[in-house]
Amino acid sequence: MSLTATLSQLTPSPGMLLLIIGAIAMIESLAMVGLLVPGVVLITAAASLAGHQELSIPAVLLAAFLGAVVGDGVSFALGYTQRERVPRLWPFALHPEWLAQGARFFQRHGTLSVFLGRFVGPVRPVVPLIAGMLHMPPRTFTWANLVSAGLWAPTYVLPGYLLGHAWQQRLDLPPGLERWLVVLALVLIALAVTFSWLRQQVGRTGRLYRLLASWARRSPLLRRLWLGQSGRGRGEVPLGAWLLLVLSLGGLSGWTILVIHHDGPLAMDLGVQALFEALATPWLHASGEVLARVGDLYGILALTLPWALWLLARRRLAALAHLASGLLGIALLNTLGKALIGRARPFAPEYLTDSLAYPSAHTSTTVVLLGTTAAFVAHELPHRQRFWPYWAAIVLAVPMVLSRLAVGVHWLSDLVGGALLGLVVCALVQLSWQQRQRRSLAPCPWHGLLLASLLLVTARVAWLPMA
């Protein structure tokens, strides 16, 4: 079955897809929910599907344009008519700083804020609401809304549409692989939405956090445990770290049992391996080899050495000990896991002749290094900005993880197991770190340290053999 036929079966009808594009454009512009929805990810995915189905570009742009206009219009009307009630509505009652940020943006740019705000992620859904609350003339708002939506629609929709169209025209996959590629894309989108939602819920002002706190107060035992946790650190129960530990440990256990009891690679392992073989190019393999060097023992030492020396010089021994314990712990767990499970690699170059596959040490070590670093950075930031380091860590980790498939030394299930194991260690390190109040790591000369890490890892890639 061709890729086009597979996508036709898995995607909505053309009319329904246009409605979905319009709905996504509207929802991400709504003040009440736009801040909680990864609109860029969703609109790109929907536009890509439209490109696969070769829907009319004007129809796709019109759907996105109308959705954006309606979303901003509803937000403006809400602010215009419910000015006094808005600060008490969810989610602004829990995050008053969102309204304050939008108000500052509006005061700085005036009428242009409606136009500019359309393209500025953190304030995009809030600015129309603020404009209504401050009784901006409806005619002025309407013109700014229409013009900005007219520019926003092609800017955000066309890249996804062209990607989907080019994929359909140029990607010649072996039979049976289309389903895995589509499923993988859907899973990534679902994970992005889930991550965005959970990030809001597990913070001190999140609804899930408040619900669990309410339940804990009703039981003497739970109340003591809750107060014991919140009495340390910053007065906040590390709900995010606990949730990460429970989910990743449960996922790792179930996934490892699946791998152990399955005879050989999983069906998805074979499918994804065939996919990467179909996509194989010299530059892709060369990139994978470079990232393999970045993620081995020498590469990790090169990346961490400048930061470790700075922490040592500044006598931030607790942070250094937690980082070191995370990296040493994951190294021991990788060695133990490979020895116990004994899974062979799909391909073993000379430097990996005696090395086993599950779990992927490159993946788990990358997750621990980037995840722990992101957590340290996030603790230095206000709550509303803490998601940025985690998203940066994800963006950096994905190429490193996928490079193991590009060079053919791991099955996909090895990477999943490695990622879950790395998340377990990240959660444990963070739970230990949050047991007590810690001194701030700021100020940190991160520009110089980052440059030093890049220079060292470049030297490692150029001159040292694989470890």
Protein backbone atom coordinates (compact mmCIF):
# COMPACT_ATOMS: atom_id res chain seq x y z
CA MET A 1 0.00 0.00 0.00
CA SER A 2 1.38 3.42 -0.92
CA LEU A 3 2.02 6.23 1.53
CA THR A 4 -0.78 8.25 -0.01
CA ALA A 5 -3.28 5.43 0.44
CA THR A 6 -2.20 4.82 4.02
CA LEU A 7 -2.53 8.49 4.94
CA SER A 8 -5.91 8.66 3.23
CA GLN A 9 -7.12 5.87 5.51
CA LEU A 10 -5.67 7.37 8.69
CA THR A 11 -6.54 11.04 8.17
CA PRO A 12 -9.95 12.74 8.16
CA SER A 13 -11.85 13.65 5.03
CA PRO A 14 -10.83 16.90 3.30
CA GLY A 15 -13.79 18.81 4.71
CA MET A 16 -13.18 17.54 8.24
CA LEU A 17 -9.47 18.30 7.98
CA LEU A 18 -10.24 21.92 7.05
CA LEU A 19 -12.50 22.15 10.09
CA ILE A 20 -9.72 20.74 12.26
CA ILE A 21 -7.22 23.30 10.95
CA GLY A 22 -9.70 26.10 11.63
CA ALA A 23 -10.43 24.74 15.11
CA ILE A 24 -6.72 24.50 16.00
CA ALA A 25 -6.13 28.07 14.79
CA MET A 26 -9.08 29.26 16.87
CA ILE A 27 -8.20 27.33 20.03
CA GLU A 28 -4.58 28.46 20.11
CA SER A 29 -5.82 32.07 19.89
CA LEU A 30 -8.33 31.72 22.73
CA ALA A 31 -7.28 33.39 25.95
CA MET A 32 -8.63 30.61 28.16
CA VAL A 33 -6.82 27.66 26.60
CA GLY A 34 -4.32 28.99 24.04
CA LEU A 35 -1.54 29.20 26.63
CA LEU A 36 -1.93 25.50 27.47
CA VAL A 37 -2.05 24.10 23.92
CA PRO A 38 1.06 23.48 21.74
CA GLY A 39 -0.59 25.24 18.83
CA VAL A 40 2.46 25.40 16.56
CA VAL A 41 2.95 21.62 16.79
CA LEU A 42 -0.72 20.89 16.12
CA ILE A 43 -1.16 23.36 13.24
CA THR A 44 2.03 22.08 11.58
CA ALA A 45 0.85 18.48 11.87
CA ALA A 46 -2.61 19.29 10.50
CA ALA A 47 -1.16 21.34 7.65
CA SER A 48 1.21 18.48 6.82
CA LEU A 49 -1.74 16.12 6.51
CA ALA A 50 -3.44 18.66 4.26
CA GLY A 51 -0.33 18.66 2.08
CA HIS A 52 -0.49 14.87 1.87
CA GLN A 53 -4.09 15.03 0.69
CA GLU A 54 -3.22 17.86 -1.74
CA LEU A 55 -6.01 20.06 -0.42
CA SER A 56 -6.35 23.43 -2.08
CA ILE A 57 -3.83 25.84 -0.56
CA PRO A 58 -6.33 28.76 -0.59
CA ALA A 59 -8.86 26.58 1.27
CA VAL A 60 -6.30 25.59 3.92
CA LEU A 61 -5.16 29.20 4.37
CA LEU A 62 -8.75 30.40 4.57
CA ALA A 63 -9.58 27.84 7.26
CA ALA A 64 -6.57 28.90 9.35
CA PHE A 65 -7.32 32.59 8.75
CA LEU A 66 -10.96 32.29 9.85
CA GLY A 67 -10.04 30.24 12.91
CA ALA A 68 -7.43 32.80 13.99
CA VAL A 69 -9.82 35.72 13.47
CA VAL A 70 -12.59 34.02 15.45
CA GLY A 71 -10.23 33.05 18.28
CA ASP A 72 -8.89 36.57 18.75
CA GLY A 73 -12.38 38.00 18.32
CA VAL A 74 -13.81 35.80 21.08
CA SER A 75 -10.91 36.72 23.39
CA PHE A 76 -11.46 40.42 22.71
CA ALA A 77 -15.20 40.13 23.34
CA LEU A 78 -14.58 38.27 26.59
CA GLY A 79 -12.27 40.99 27.85
CA TYR A 80 -14.58 43.75 26.63
CA THR A 81 -17.70 42.39 28.35
CA GLN A 82 -16.24 40.58 31.37
CA ARG A 83 -13.47 42.92 32.41
CA GLU A 84 -14.03 42.56 36.15
CA ARG A 85 -14.52 38.78 36.10
CA VAL A 86 -11.55 37.79 33.93
CA PRO A 87 -8.91 37.84 36.73
CA ARG A 88 -11.08 35.41 38.71
CA LEU A 89 -11.56 32.96 35.84
CA TRP A 90 -9.45 29.86 35.23
CA PRO A 91 -6.58 29.76 34.41
CA PHE A 92 -5.85 33.42 35.24
CA ALA A 93 -6.90 32.99 38.86
CA LEU A 94 -4.02 30.51 39.17
CA HIS A 95 -1.61 32.44 36.91
CA PRO A 96 -2.18 36.18 37.34
CA GLU A 97 1.30 36.76 35.92
CA TRP A 98 -0.04 35.83 32.45
CA LEU A 99 -2.38 38.81 32.47
CA ALA A 100 0.36 41.04 33.84
CA GLN A 101 2.74 39.96 31.06
CA GLY A 102 0.10 40.64 28.41
CA ALA A 103 -0.72 44.03 29.94
CA ARG A 104 2.93 45.07 29.87
CA PHE A 105 3.18 44.04 26.22
CA PHE A 106 0.03 46.00 25.36
CA GLN A 107 1.21 49.10 27.20
CA ARG A 108 4.57 48.95 25.45
CA HIS A 109 3.24 48.58 21.89
CA GLY A 110 -0.28 50.05 22.03
CA THR A 111 -2.42 49.32 18.98
CA LEU A 112 0.42 47.41 17.33
CA SER A 113 0.33 44.90 20.20
CA VAL A 114 -2.64 43.10 18.62
CA PHE A 115 -0.70 42.76 15.38
CA LEU A 116 2.65 41.87 16.96
CA GLY A 117 1.17 39.66 19.65
CA ARG A 118 -0.10 37.23 17.03
CA PHE A 119 3.50 36.14 16.43
CA VAL A 120 4.81 36.22 20.02
CA GLY A 121 4.13 32.87 21.67
CA PRO A 122 3.91 33.72 25.40
CA VAL A 123 1.44 36.61 24.95
CA ARG A 124 -0.39 35.56 21.77
CA PRO A 125 -3.68 34.42 23.37
CA VAL A 126 -3.64 37.12 26.09
CA VAL A 127 -3.16 40.35 24.13
CA PRO A 128 -6.65 40.36 22.50
CA LEU A 129 -8.15 39.75 25.95
CA ILE A 130 -6.15 42.66 27.40
CA ALA A 131 -7.17 44.85 24.46
CA GLY A 132 -10.81 44.14 25.27
CA MET A 133 -10.35 44.73 28.99
CA LEU A 134 -8.79 48.13 28.26
CA HIS A 135 -11.67 48.94 25.84
CA MET A 136 -9.62 49.26 22.68
CA PRO A 137 -11.96 50.57 19.94
CA PRO A 138 -13.59 47.51 18.29
CA ARG A 139 -13.00 48.88 14.79
CA THR A 140 -9.28 49.34 15.44
CA PHE A 141 -9.04 45.85 16.91
CA THR A 142 -10.90 44.32 13.97
CA TRP A 143 -8.50 45.77 11.42
CA ALA A 144 -5.46 44.63 13.44
CA ASN A 145 -7.05 41.20 13.88
CA LEU A 146 -7.75 40.75 10.16
CA VAL A 147 -4.36 41.96 8.94
CA SER A 148 -2.36 39.95 11.48
CA ALA A 149 -4.39 36.78 10.80
CA GLY A 150 -3.83 37.27 7.07
CA LEU A 151 -0.08 37.22 7.64
CA TRP A 152 -0.14 34.59 10.38
CA ALA A 153 -1.96 31.94 8.32
CA PRO A 154 0.64 31.50 5.54
CA THR A 155 3.54 31.91 7.97
CA TYR A 156 2.42 29.05 10.20
CA VAL A 157 0.53 26.84 7.74
CA LEU A 158 2.62 26.78 4.56
CA PRO A 159 5.77 25.18 6.05
CA GLY A 160 3.76 22.21 7.30
CA TYR A 161 1.76 22.00 4.07
CA LEU A 162 4.91 22.03 1.93
CA LEU A 163 6.54 19.44 4.17
CA GLY A 164 3.59 17.11 3.78
CA HIS A 165 3.41 17.69 0.04
CA ALA A 166 7.16 17.09 -0.44
CA TRP A 167 6.96 13.98 1.71
CA GLN A 168 4.20 12.60 -0.45
CA GLN A 169 6.00 13.37 -3.70
CA ARG A 170 9.57 12.41 -2.85
CA LEU A 171 9.66 9.87 -0.01
CA ASP A 172 9.66 6.37 -1.49
CA LEU A 173 9.27 3.99 1.45
CA PRO A 174 9.27 0.19 1.33
CA PRO A 175 5.82 -1.39 1.65
CA GLY A 176 4.47 -1.62 5.20
CA LEU A 177 6.57 1.23 6.65
CA GLU A 178 4.07 4.03 6.11
CA ARG A 179 1.96 2.89 9.06
CA TRP A 180 4.91 3.04 11.44
CA LEU A 181 5.89 6.50 10.27
CA VAL A 182 2.38 7.88 10.71
CA VAL A 183 1.96 6.22 14.10
CA LEU A 184 5.33 7.62 15.23
CA ALA A 185 4.27 11.14 14.21
CA LEU A 186 0.96 10.80 16.06
CA VAL A 187 2.71 9.50 19.17
CA LEU A 188 5.13 12.45 19.16
CA ILE A 189 2.23 14.89 18.87
CA ALA A 190 0.37 13.16 21.71
CA LEU A 191 3.50 13.27 23.89
CA ALA A 192 3.95 17.00 23.17
CA VAL A 193 0.35 17.73 24.17
CA THR A 194 0.63 15.58 27.30
CA PHE A 195 3.92 17.17 28.33
CA SER A 196 2.49 20.66 27.88
CA TRP A 197 -0.57 19.79 30.00
CA LEU A 198 1.33 18.03 32.78
CA ARG A 199 3.84 20.86 33.01
CA GLN A 200 1.00 23.17 33.97
CA GLN A 201 -0.66 20.72 36.33
CA VAL A 202 2.22 19.59 38.56
CA GLY A 203 3.38 23.08 39.55
CA ARG A 204 2.24 24.64 42.80
CA THR A 205 -0.53 26.57 41.06
CA GLY A 206 -1.66 23.64 38.88
CA ARG A 207 -5.06 22.07 39.35
CA LEU A 208 -3.64 18.56 39.83
CA TYR A 209 -1.25 19.84 42.48
CA ARG A 210 -4.06 21.62 44.33
CA LEU A 211 -6.32 18.57 44.09
CA LEU A 212 -3.68 16.28 45.58
CA ALA A 213 -2.94 18.82 48.30
CA SER A 214 -6.65 18.89 49.17
CA TRP A 215 -6.77 15.08 49.38
CA ALA A 216 -3.63 15.01 51.54
CA ARG A 217 -5.17 17.35 54.11
CA ARG A 218 -8.03 14.91 54.75
CA SER A 219 -5.78 12.10 55.97
CA PRO A 220 -3.47 12.51 58.99
CA LEU A 221 -0.84 10.20 57.46
CA LEU A 222 -0.93 11.84 54.04
CA ARG A 223 -0.97 15.28 55.63
CA ARG A 224 2.22 14.51 57.56
CA LEU A 225 3.89 13.17 54.43
CA TRP A 226 2.77 16.17 52.36
CA LEU A 227 3.84 18.71 54.97
CA GLY A 228 7.13 16.86 55.41
CA GLN A 229 7.83 17.26 51.70
CA SER A 230 6.62 20.85 51.42
CA GLY A 231 8.53 21.90 54.52
CA ARG A 232 11.78 21.41 52.63
CA GLY A 233 13.33 23.14 49.67
CA ARG A 234 11.10 25.97 48.49
CA GLY A 235 7.98 24.97 50.37
CA GLU A 236 6.63 23.05 47.38
CA VAL A 237 6.10 19.31 47.12
CA PRO A 238 8.25 18.02 44.21
CA LEU A 239 5.17 16.55 42.56
CA GLY A 240 6.70 16.72 39.10
CA ALA A 241 9.73 14.68 40.16
CA TRP A 242 7.59 12.10 41.96
CA LEU A 243 5.26 11.78 38.99
CA LEU A 244 8.23 11.41 36.65
CA LEU A 245 9.69 8.69 38.87
CA VAL A 246 6.46 6.70 39.09
CA LEU A 247 5.66 6.90 35.37
CA SER A 248 9.18 6.26 34.11
CA LEU A 249 9.85 3.42 36.57
CA GLY A 250 6.55 1.76 35.71
CA GLY A 251 7.16 2.24 32.01
CA LEU A 252 10.71 0.90 32.27
CA SER A 253 9.55 -2.20 34.14
CA GLY A 254 6.80 -3.02 31.66
CA TRP A 255 8.94 -2.24 28.62
CA THR A 256 11.87 -4.34 29.86
CA ILE A 257 9.56 -7.31 30.52
CA LEU A 258 8.23 -6.95 26.96
CA VAL A 259 11.77 -6.93 25.53
CA ILE A 260 12.90 -9.91 27.62
CA HIS A 261 9.92 -12.09 26.75
CA HIS A 262 9.93 -11.27 23.05
CA ASP A 263 11.96 -13.54 20.82
CA GLY A 264 14.31 -11.17 19.02
CA PRO A 265 13.51 -7.61 17.88
CA LEU A 266 9.97 -6.29 18.12
CA ALA A 267 7.90 -5.73 15.02
CA MET A 268 8.35 -1.99 15.35
CA ASP A 269 12.13 -2.48 15.64
CA LEU A 270 12.21 -4.16 12.26
CA GLY A 271 9.91 -1.58 10.72
CA VAL A 272 11.90 1.40 11.99
CA GLN A 273 15.17 -0.24 11.00
CA ALA A 274 13.87 -0.69 7.46
CA LEU A 275 12.72 2.94 7.48
CA PHE A 276 16.18 4.24 8.37
CA GLU A 277 17.75 1.95 5.80
CA ALA A 278 15.43 3.47 3.18
CA LEU A 279 16.39 6.98 4.31
CA ALA A 280 20.12 6.20 4.52
CA THR A 281 22.43 8.77 2.94
CA PRO A 282 26.16 9.38 3.43
CA TRP A 283 25.56 12.64 5.30
CA LEU A 284 23.00 11.01 7.63
CA HIS A 285 25.42 8.23 8.52
CA ALA A 286 28.27 10.73 8.98
CA SER A 287 26.10 12.84 11.28
CA GLY A 288 25.26 9.75 13.29
CA GLU A 289 28.95 8.92 13.67
CA VAL A 290 29.70 12.45 14.90
CA LEU A 291 26.91 12.28 17.48
CA ALA A 292 28.13 8.84 18.53
CA ARG A 293 31.45 10.43 19.44
CA VAL A 294 29.73 13.30 21.26
CA GLY A 295 27.75 10.86 23.40
CA ASP A 296 30.49 8.39 24.34
CA LEU A 297 32.69 8.53 27.46
CA TYR A 298 35.16 11.05 26.01
CA GLY A 299 32.37 13.22 24.67
CA ILE A 300 30.48 13.34 27.98
CA LEU A 301 33.70 14.21 29.81
CA ALA A 302 34.41 16.99 27.32
CA LEU A 303 30.91 18.41 27.72
CA THR A 304 30.86 18.33 31.52
CA LEU A 305 34.47 19.19 32.42
CA PRO A 306 34.19 23.03 32.23
CA TRP A 307 30.97 23.02 34.28
CA ALA A 308 32.39 20.61 36.85
CA LEU A 309 35.49 22.77 37.32
CA TRP A 310 33.34 25.89 37.71
CA LEU A 311 31.11 24.19 40.31
CA LEU A 312 34.21 23.04 42.14
CA ALA A 313 35.79 26.49 42.05
CA ARG A 314 32.58 28.11 43.31
CA ARG A 315 32.28 25.45 46.01
CA ARG A 316 28.89 24.33 44.74
CA LEU A 317 29.77 20.84 45.87
CA ALA A 318 26.16 19.68 46.30
CA ALA A 319 25.32 20.43 42.67
CA LEU A 320 28.55 18.80 41.50
CA ALA A 321 27.86 15.71 43.62
CA HIS A 322 24.32 15.35 42.25
CA LEU A 323 25.47 15.72 38.65
CA ALA A 324 28.31 13.24 39.18
CA SER A 325 26.08 10.76 41.00
CA GLY A 326 23.56 10.88 38.16
CA LEU A 327 26.19 10.17 35.51
CA LEU A 328 27.94 7.47 37.54
CA GLY A 329 24.63 5.92 38.51
CA ILE A 330 23.42 5.68 34.93
CA ALA A 331 26.76 4.17 33.87
CA LEU A 332 26.42 1.43 36.48
CA LEU A 333 22.78 0.78 35.62
CA ASN A 334 23.60 0.56 31.91
CA THR A 335 26.35 -1.97 32.59
CA LEU A 336 24.11 -4.02 34.86
CA GLY A 337 21.14 -3.88 32.46
CA LYS A 338 23.17 -4.97 29.44
CA ALA A 339 24.71 -7.86 31.40
CA LEU A 340 21.39 -9.12 32.76
CA ILE A 341 19.36 -8.84 29.55
CA GLY A 342 22.09 -9.78 27.08
CA ARG A 343 20.43 -8.47 23.95
CA ALA A 344 22.52 -8.44 20.79
CA ARG A 345 22.87 -5.37 18.60
CA PRO A 346 21.48 -5.32 15.05
CA PHE A 347 24.96 -4.27 13.91
CA ALA A 348 28.18 -4.09 15.95
CA PRO A 349 31.18 -2.18 14.54
CA GLU A 350 34.64 -3.08 15.78
CA TYR A 351 34.58 -0.71 18.74
CA LEU A 352 31.27 -2.26 19.92
CA THR A 353 32.12 -5.91 19.35
CA ASP A 354 31.78 -6.84 23.03
CA SER A 355 28.96 -4.40 23.81
CA LEU A 356 25.30 -5.36 24.13
CA ALA A 357 22.23 -3.41 23.08
CA TYR A 358 19.61 -2.98 25.83
CA PRO A 359 19.37 -0.38 27.23
CA SER A 360 21.01 2.20 24.98
CA ALA A 361 23.79 3.80 27.04
CA HIS A 362 24.05 6.78 24.67
CA THR A 363 20.35 7.47 25.10
CA SER A 364 20.20 7.07 28.86
CA THR A 365 23.36 9.11 29.47
CA THR A 366 22.15 11.88 27.19
CA VAL A 367 18.80 11.99 29.01
CA VAL A 368 20.51 12.16 32.42
CA LEU A 369 22.99 14.86 31.40
CA LEU A 370 20.51 17.11 29.59
CA GLY A 371 17.62 16.41 31.96
CA THR A 372 19.64 17.15 35.11
CA THR A 373 21.11 20.29 33.56
CA ALA A 374 17.65 21.47 32.53
CA ALA A 375 16.34 20.88 36.05
CA PHE A 376 19.18 22.90 37.60
CA VAL A 377 18.51 25.77 35.19
CA ALA A 378 14.74 25.59 35.75
CA HIS A 379 15.15 25.92 39.52
CA GLU A 380 16.79 29.30 38.93
CA LEU A 381 13.87 30.59 36.84
CA PRO A 382 10.35 31.81 37.71
CA HIS A 383 7.64 29.15 37.47
CA ARG A 384 6.20 30.50 34.23
CA GLN A 385 9.56 30.17 32.46
CA ARG A 386 10.65 26.77 33.70
CA PHE A 387 9.40 24.87 30.68
CA TRP A 388 12.01 26.46 28.37
CA PRO A 389 15.05 24.49 29.67
CA TYR A 390 13.12 21.23 29.44
CA TRP A 391 12.03 21.84 25.86
CA ALA A 392 15.62 22.80 24.99
CA ALA A 393 16.82 19.52 26.51
CA ILE A 394 14.27 17.57 24.46
CA VAL A 395 15.32 19.31 21.23
CA LEU A 396 18.98 18.51 21.91
CA ALA A 397 18.33 14.92 23.00
CA VAL A 398 16.23 13.81 20.03
CA PRO A 399 19.02 13.99 17.38
CA MET A 400 21.43 12.21 19.73
CA VAL A 401 18.93 9.42 20.33
CA LEU A 402 17.92 9.00 16.68
CA SER A 403 21.57 8.94 15.61
CA ARG A 404 21.81 5.44 17.10
CA LEU A 405 19.26 4.30 14.53
CA ALA A 406 21.05 6.16 11.75
CA VAL A 407 24.28 4.20 12.36
CA GLY A 408 22.31 0.99 12.87
CA VAL A 409 23.75 -0.08 16.26
CA HIS A 410 20.47 -0.15 18.21
CA TRP A 411 16.88 -1.24 17.90
CA LEU A 412 14.22 1.37 18.60
CA SER A 413 13.17 -0.54 21.73
CA ASP A 414 16.74 -0.15 23.06
CA LEU A 415 16.34 3.61 22.81
CA VAL A 416 12.96 3.56 24.56
CA GLY A 417 14.43 1.53 27.41
CA GLY A 418 17.44 3.82 27.65
CA ALA A 419 15.26 6.94 27.73
CA LEU A 420 13.04 5.50 30.47
CA LEU A 421 16.05 4.45 32.53
CA GLY A 422 17.55 7.91 32.13
CA LEU A 423 14.29 9.52 33.29
CA VAL A 424 14.28 7.31 36.40
CA VAL A 425 17.76 8.54 37.33
CA CYS A 426 16.79 12.16 36.55
CA ALA A 427 13.82 11.87 38.91
CA LEU A 428 15.93 10.36 41.69
CA VAL A 429 18.57 13.09 41.37
CA GLN A 430 15.92 15.80 41.51
CA LEU A 431 14.16 14.28 44.51
CA SER A 432 17.47 14.24 46.34
CA TRP A 433 18.27 17.80 45.26
CA GLN A 434 14.90 19.13 46.42
CA GLN A 435 15.15 17.60 49.90
CA ARG A 436 16.49 20.85 51.30
CA GLN A 437 17.00 24.50 50.49
CA ARG A 438 19.92 24.96 48.07
CA ARG A 439 22.04 27.97 47.34
CA SER A 440 21.43 29.58 43.99
CA LEU A 441 23.87 28.64 41.24
CA ALA A 442 23.63 32.14 39.78
CA PRO A 443 25.45 34.11 38.59
CA CYS A 444 26.93 31.66 36.15
CA PRO A 445 29.22 32.56 33.21
CA TRP A 446 27.29 30.17 31.01
CA HIS A 447 28.42 31.78 27.74
CA GLY A 448 32.06 31.02 28.49
CA LEU A 449 31.37 27.58 29.90
CA LEU A 450 29.24 26.63 26.90
CA LEU A 451 31.97 27.81 24.52
CA ALA A 452 34.56 25.79 26.44
CA SER A 453 32.37 22.66 26.25
CA LEU A 454 31.87 23.11 22.52
CA LEU A 455 35.58 23.53 21.91
CA LEU A 456 36.44 20.46 23.96
CA VAL A 457 33.81 18.27 22.33
CA THR A 458 34.92 19.47 18.90
CA ALA A 459 38.48 18.44 19.74
CA ARG A 460 37.18 15.11 20.97
CA VAL A 461 35.28 14.45 17.73
CA ALA A 462 38.26 15.45 15.59
CA TRP A 463 41.11 13.67 17.34
CA LEU A 464 40.07 10.95 19.78
CA PRO A 465 38.94 7.42 18.81
CA MET A 466 35.62 5.94 19.91
CA ALA A 467 35.45 4.94 23.56
